[in-house]
Amino acid sequence: MKILSIAQIVVSVILVVLILLQERSSGVGGVFGGGTTEVYQKRRGVERLIFAATIILAIAFPILAILNFILIK
């Protein structure tokens, strides 16, 4: 059970880092909604890997939380 808690913490930290690594727009104007007007951008290389890893970890996190909840009882 302790392993699940540690795994959930590790997954959450990595998930936060991956979300912060994803760049949506360049410059400070992107923070306030400005930036490029490009609607669709194709992901390539490392950006695609970060995107896929974020999805996988976003699915793994609630699964670990549910397993942790079930096994505590």
N, C-alpha and C. Protein backbone atom coordinates (compact mmCIF):
# COMPACT_ATOMS: atom_id res chain seq x y z
N MET A 1 0.82 -1.19 0.00
CA MET A 1 0.00 0.00 0.00
C MET A 1 0.86 1.26 0.00
N LYS A 2 1.97 1.21 0.71
CA LYS A 2 2.85 2.36 0.74
C LYS A 2 3.46 2.61 -0.65
N ILE A 3 3.66 1.53 -1.39
CA ILE A 3 4.22 1.66 -2.74
C ILE A 3 3.27 2.44 -3.64
N LEU A 4 1.97 2.19 -3.51
CA LEU A 4 0.99 2.92 -4.31
C LEU A 4 0.99 4.41 -3.99
N SER A 5 1.13 4.74 -2.72
CA SER A 5 1.18 6.16 -2.34
C SER A 5 2.40 6.84 -2.91
N ILE A 6 3.54 6.18 -2.83
CA ILE A 6 4.78 6.74 -3.38
C ILE A 6 4.66 6.87 -4.90
N ALA A 7 4.10 5.86 -5.55
CA ALA A 7 3.92 5.91 -7.00
C ALA A 7 3.00 7.05 -7.40
N GLN A 8 1.97 7.29 -6.62
CA GLN A 8 1.04 8.37 -6.92
C GLN A 8 1.72 9.73 -6.78
N ILE A 9 2.56 9.88 -5.77
CA ILE A 9 3.29 11.13 -5.59
C ILE A 9 4.26 11.36 -6.75
N VAL A 10 4.98 10.32 -7.14
CA VAL A 10 5.93 10.44 -8.25
C VAL A 10 5.20 10.78 -9.54
N VAL A 11 4.09 10.11 -9.81
CA VAL A 11 3.31 10.38 -11.03
C VAL A 11 2.80 11.82 -11.02
N SER A 12 2.34 12.29 -9.87
CA SER A 12 1.81 13.65 -9.81
C SER A 12 2.89 14.69 -10.05
N VAL A 13 4.09 14.48 -9.50
CA VAL A 13 5.18 15.44 -9.71
C VAL A 13 5.60 15.45 -11.18
N ILE A 14 5.74 14.27 -11.77
CA ILE A 14 6.12 14.20 -13.18
C ILE A 14 5.04 14.81 -14.06
N LEU A 15 3.78 14.61 -13.72
CA LEU A 15 2.66 15.17 -14.48
C LEU A 15 2.70 16.70 -14.45
N VAL A 16 2.96 17.26 -13.29
CA VAL A 16 3.05 18.72 -13.17
C VAL A 16 4.19 19.25 -14.03
N VAL A 17 5.34 18.58 -13.98
CA VAL A 17 6.49 19.02 -14.78
C VAL A 17 6.17 18.94 -16.27
N LEU A 18 5.55 17.86 -16.70
CA LEU A 18 5.22 17.72 -18.13
C LEU A 18 4.22 18.77 -18.58
N ILE A 19 3.25 19.09 -17.74
CA ILE A 19 2.29 20.13 -18.10
C ILE A 19 2.98 21.47 -18.23
N LEU A 20 3.90 21.75 -17.33
CA LEU A 20 4.62 23.02 -17.40
C LEU A 20 5.57 23.10 -18.60
N LEU A 21 6.03 21.94 -19.07
CA LEU A 21 6.93 21.92 -20.23
C LEU A 21 6.21 22.18 -21.55
N GLN A 22 4.93 21.94 -21.57
CA GLN A 22 4.19 22.13 -22.81
C GLN A 22 4.06 23.61 -23.11
N GLU A 23 4.58 24.00 -24.24
CA GLU A 23 4.56 25.41 -24.62
C GLU A 23 3.40 25.66 -25.57
N ARG A 24 2.51 26.55 -25.19
CA ARG A 24 1.36 26.86 -26.03
C ARG A 24 1.63 28.04 -26.95
N SER A 25 2.25 29.07 -26.44
CA SER A 25 2.55 30.23 -27.27
C SER A 25 3.83 30.86 -26.76
N SER A 26 4.45 31.66 -27.61
CA SER A 26 5.74 32.22 -27.24
C SER A 26 5.57 33.61 -26.66
N GLY A 27 6.48 33.95 -25.78
CA GLY A 27 6.50 35.29 -25.21
C GLY A 27 5.55 35.47 -24.06
N VAL A 28 5.64 36.64 -23.45
CA VAL A 28 4.81 36.98 -22.29
C VAL A 28 3.36 37.20 -22.72
N GLY A 29 3.14 37.59 -23.96
CA GLY A 29 1.78 37.82 -24.43
C GLY A 29 0.93 36.57 -24.39
N GLY A 30 1.55 35.39 -24.46
CA GLY A 30 0.82 34.14 -24.39
C GLY A 30 0.19 33.90 -23.04
N VAL A 31 0.79 34.46 -22.00
CA VAL A 31 0.24 34.30 -20.65
C VAL A 31 -1.10 35.01 -20.53
N PHE A 32 -1.25 36.14 -21.22
CA PHE A 32 -2.47 36.93 -21.12
C PHE A 32 -3.42 36.70 -22.29
N GLY A 33 -3.21 35.65 -23.06
CA GLY A 33 -4.12 35.32 -24.13
C GLY A 33 -3.68 35.83 -25.49
N GLY A 34 -2.58 36.51 -25.55
CA GLY A 34 -2.09 37.02 -26.83
C GLY A 34 -1.21 35.98 -27.51
N GLY A 35 -0.29 36.43 -28.30
CA GLY A 35 0.63 35.51 -28.96
C GLY A 35 0.21 35.24 -30.39
N THR A 36 0.54 34.07 -30.86
CA THR A 36 0.25 33.72 -32.24
C THR A 36 -1.23 33.48 -32.44
N THR A 37 -1.68 33.66 -33.68
CA THR A 37 -3.09 33.43 -34.01
C THR A 37 -3.30 32.08 -34.67
N GLU A 38 -2.28 31.26 -34.67
CA GLU A 38 -2.35 29.95 -35.28
C GLU A 38 -3.30 29.05 -34.49
N VAL A 39 -4.27 28.45 -35.18
CA VAL A 39 -5.29 27.64 -34.51
C VAL A 39 -4.79 26.23 -34.26
N TYR A 40 -4.14 25.62 -35.23
CA TYR A 40 -3.70 24.23 -35.11
C TYR A 40 -2.22 24.14 -35.38
N GLN A 41 -1.53 23.43 -34.53
CA GLN A 41 -0.10 23.23 -34.70
C GLN A 41 0.18 21.74 -34.55
N LYS A 42 0.89 21.17 -35.51
CA LYS A 42 1.19 19.76 -35.46
C LYS A 42 2.35 19.51 -34.51
N ARG A 43 2.18 18.52 -33.64
CA ARG A 43 3.23 18.19 -32.68
C ARG A 43 4.25 17.27 -33.34
N ARG A 44 5.53 17.56 -33.08
CA ARG A 44 6.59 16.74 -33.66
C ARG A 44 7.69 16.53 -32.64
N GLY A 45 8.36 15.40 -32.74
CA GLY A 45 9.53 15.13 -31.93
C GLY A 45 9.25 15.07 -30.45
N VAL A 46 10.03 15.83 -29.69
CA VAL A 46 9.94 15.81 -28.23
C VAL A 46 8.58 16.33 -27.77
N GLU A 47 8.03 17.29 -28.47
CA GLU A 47 6.73 17.85 -28.10
C GLU A 47 5.65 16.78 -28.15
N ARG A 48 5.71 15.92 -29.13
CA ARG A 48 4.75 14.82 -29.26
C ARG A 48 4.93 13.82 -28.12
N LEU A 49 6.19 13.53 -27.76
CA LEU A 49 6.49 12.62 -26.67
C LEU A 49 5.98 13.17 -25.34
N ILE A 50 6.19 14.46 -25.09
CA ILE A 50 5.71 15.09 -23.87
C ILE A 50 4.19 15.05 -23.81
N PHE A 51 3.54 15.30 -24.93
CA PHE A 51 2.08 15.28 -25.00
C PHE A 51 1.53 13.89 -24.69
N ALA A 52 2.13 12.86 -25.29
CA ALA A 52 1.68 11.49 -25.06
C ALA A 52 1.93 11.06 -23.62
N ALA A 53 3.08 11.41 -23.08
CA ALA A 53 3.40 11.06 -21.69
C ALA A 53 2.43 11.75 -20.73
N THR A 54 2.04 12.98 -21.04
CA THR A 54 1.10 13.70 -20.19
C THR A 54 -0.25 12.99 -20.17
N ILE A 55 -0.70 12.53 -21.32
CA ILE A 55 -1.98 11.81 -21.38
C ILE A 55 -1.91 10.51 -20.60
N ILE A 56 -0.82 9.77 -20.77
CA ILE A 56 -0.67 8.49 -20.08
C ILE A 56 -0.64 8.70 -18.56
N LEU A 57 0.12 9.69 -18.11
CA LEU A 57 0.20 9.93 -16.67
C LEU A 57 -1.10 10.52 -16.11
N ALA A 58 -1.82 11.28 -16.93
CA ALA A 58 -3.11 11.81 -16.49
C ALA A 58 -4.13 10.69 -16.32
N ILE A 59 -3.99 9.62 -17.05
CA ILE A 59 -4.85 8.45 -16.89
C ILE A 59 -4.37 7.59 -15.72
N ALA A 60 -3.05 7.47 -15.56
CA ALA A 60 -2.48 6.64 -14.50
C ALA A 60 -2.76 7.22 -13.11
N PHE A 61 -2.79 8.54 -12.99
CA PHE A 61 -2.97 9.16 -11.68
C PHE A 61 -4.29 8.79 -11.01
N PRO A 62 -5.44 8.94 -11.68
CA PRO A 62 -6.69 8.54 -11.00
C PRO A 62 -6.80 7.03 -10.79
N ILE A 63 -6.18 6.25 -11.66
CA ILE A 63 -6.19 4.80 -11.46
C ILE A 63 -5.44 4.45 -10.18
N LEU A 64 -4.28 5.08 -9.99
CA LEU A 64 -3.52 4.85 -8.75
C LEU A 64 -4.30 5.32 -7.53
N ALA A 65 -5.01 6.45 -7.67
CA ALA A 65 -5.80 6.96 -6.55
C ALA A 65 -6.92 5.99 -6.18
N ILE A 66 -7.59 5.44 -7.16
CA ILE A 66 -8.67 4.48 -6.91
C ILE A 66 -8.12 3.20 -6.29
N LEU A 67 -7.01 2.70 -6.83
CA LEU A 67 -6.40 1.49 -6.26
C LEU A 67 -5.95 1.73 -4.83
N ASN A 68 -5.39 2.89 -4.58
CA ASN A 68 -4.95 3.23 -3.23
C ASN A 68 -6.15 3.29 -2.28
N PHE A 69 -7.25 3.85 -2.73
CA PHE A 69 -8.46 3.94 -1.92
C PHE A 69 -9.05 2.56 -1.63
N ILE A 70 -9.08 1.70 -2.64
CA ILE A 70 -9.65 0.37 -2.49
C ILE A 70 -8.81 -0.50 -1.55
N LEU A 71 -7.51 -0.42 -1.67
CA LEU A 71 -6.63 -1.28 -0.90
C LEU A 71 -6.42 -0.81 0.54
N ILE A 72 -6.78 0.43 0.83
CA ILE A 72 -6.65 0.91 2.20
C ILE A 72 -7.69 0.25 3.11
N LYS A 73 -8.86 -0.02 2.57
CA LYS A 73 -9.95 -0.61 3.38
C LYS A 73 -9.63 -1.97 3.84
